[in-house]
């Protein structure tokens, strides 16, 4: 019989959390002790938006997160090609919604 692996982490996720939340804006602030990342869903033509999720990290974990994100973006681009910055992508002004009328 094998000994249990005490280094294994068992992570569970609820159905609601597994659905995720869409965000197209991240606002990052920090103090000497923590980084706060607010994920926001900004809808065109809507004057008000709401924070969908707030993540608070220690500076050490923020740096580890940054390194992990860079590594994963590099893997994605190796498999799928370069990700274009929004400034490089020509977005339609109405984002697929009804055209504005004067």
Protein backbone atom coordinates (compact mmCIF):
# COMPACT_ATOMS: atom_id res chain seq x y z
CA UNK A 1 0.00 0.00 0.00
CA UNK A 2 1.41 3.39 -1.02
CA UNK A 3 1.80 6.17 1.50
CA UNK A 4 -0.47 9.18 0.84
CA UNK A 5 1.19 12.11 -0.91
CA UNK A 6 1.04 14.91 1.66
CA UNK A 7 2.16 17.48 -0.94
CA UNK A 8 -0.99 17.01 -3.04
CA UNK A 9 -3.55 19.82 -2.79
CA UNK A 10 -7.20 18.94 -3.26
CA UNK A 11 -9.02 21.95 -4.71
CA UNK A 12 -12.80 22.00 -5.08
CA UNK A 13 -14.91 24.47 -7.04
CA UNK A 14 -18.64 25.09 -6.75
CA UNK A 15 -20.84 25.02 -9.87
CA UNK A 16 -21.52 28.75 -9.52
CA UNK A 17 -17.81 29.59 -9.29
CA UNK A 18 -17.00 27.25 -12.19
CA UNK A 19 -19.25 29.34 -14.47
CA UNK A 20 -16.87 32.26 -13.98
CA UNK A 21 -17.44 35.96 -14.51
CA UNK A 22 -16.54 37.86 -17.66
CA UNK A 23 -14.31 40.92 -17.21
CA UNK A 24 -12.81 43.22 -19.82
CA UNK A 25 -11.08 45.62 -17.44
CA UNK A 26 -8.75 45.05 -14.51
CA UNK A 27 -7.95 47.86 -12.08
CA UNK A 28 -4.85 47.25 -9.96
CA UNK A 29 -4.02 49.18 -6.80
CA UNK A 30 -1.52 48.43 -4.07
CA UNK A 31 -0.31 49.38 -0.63
CA UNK A 32 2.91 48.37 1.09
CA UNK A 33 1.28 45.10 2.18
CA UNK A 34 -1.07 43.99 -0.61
CA UNK A 35 -2.12 44.21 -4.24
CA UNK A 36 -5.83 44.57 -5.01
CA UNK A 37 -7.10 43.55 -8.46
CA UNK A 38 -10.68 44.52 -9.31
CA UNK A 39 -12.13 42.77 -12.36
CA UNK A 40 -14.84 44.82 -14.09
CA UNK A 41 -17.24 44.17 -16.97
CA UNK A 42 -17.58 47.46 -18.87
CA UNK A 43 -20.45 47.54 -21.35
CA UNK A 44 -20.33 50.10 -24.19
CA UNK A 45 -22.93 52.85 -23.86
CA UNK A 46 -23.45 52.16 -20.16
CA UNK A 47 -22.31 54.96 -17.85
CA UNK A 48 -21.90 52.69 -14.82
CA UNK A 49 -20.03 49.41 -14.35
CA UNK A 50 -19.73 47.04 -11.43
CA UNK A 51 -16.77 45.14 -10.01
CA UNK A 52 -17.39 41.45 -10.72
CA UNK A 53 -14.57 40.12 -8.58
CA UNK A 54 -11.87 41.47 -6.25
CA UNK A 55 -8.70 39.53 -5.58
CA UNK A 56 -6.30 40.60 -2.82
CA UNK A 57 -2.73 39.29 -2.95
CA UNK A 58 0.45 39.72 -0.95
CA UNK A 59 3.26 41.35 -2.97
CA UNK A 60 5.01 37.97 -3.16
CA UNK A 61 1.92 36.22 -4.51
CA UNK A 62 1.28 39.09 -6.95
CA UNK A 63 4.77 38.59 -8.38
CA UNK A 64 4.26 34.80 -8.60
CA UNK A 65 0.91 35.42 -10.34
CA UNK A 66 2.59 37.77 -12.83
CA UNK A 67 5.27 35.19 -13.64
CA UNK A 68 2.65 32.43 -14.05
CA UNK A 69 0.54 34.66 -16.31
CA UNK A 70 3.57 35.54 -18.48
CA UNK A 71 4.47 31.85 -18.77
CA UNK A 72 0.93 30.91 -19.77
CA UNK A 73 0.63 33.74 -22.31
CA UNK A 74 3.91 32.59 -23.89
CA UNK A 75 2.58 29.01 -24.13
CA UNK A 76 -0.69 30.27 -25.63
CA UNK A 77 1.13 32.38 -28.23
CA UNK A 78 3.46 29.49 -29.11
CA UNK A 79 0.38 27.39 -29.90
CA UNK A 80 -1.92 30.09 -31.35
CA UNK A 81 0.18 33.02 -32.56
CA UNK A 82 0.72 36.47 -31.10
CA UNK A 83 -2.07 38.11 -29.15
CA UNK A 84 -2.70 41.56 -30.61
CA UNK A 85 -2.99 44.53 -28.25
CA UNK A 86 -6.37 46.29 -28.37
CA UNK A 87 -4.68 49.28 -30.03
CA UNK A 88 -3.75 46.96 -32.92
CA UNK A 89 -7.28 45.53 -33.34
CA UNK A 90 -9.86 47.58 -35.22
CA UNK A 91 -13.04 47.27 -33.15
CA UNK A 92 -16.39 48.41 -34.57
CA UNK A 93 -17.63 51.45 -32.68
CA UNK A 94 -21.05 49.96 -31.94
CA UNK A 95 -19.69 46.58 -30.72
CA UNK A 96 -22.45 44.78 -32.59
CA UNK A 97 -25.30 46.64 -30.90
CA UNK A 98 -27.83 48.91 -32.57
CA UNK A 99 -26.37 51.85 -34.49
CA UNK A 100 -26.66 55.23 -32.77
CA UNK A 101 -29.01 57.76 -34.34
CA UNK A 102 -29.03 61.52 -34.00
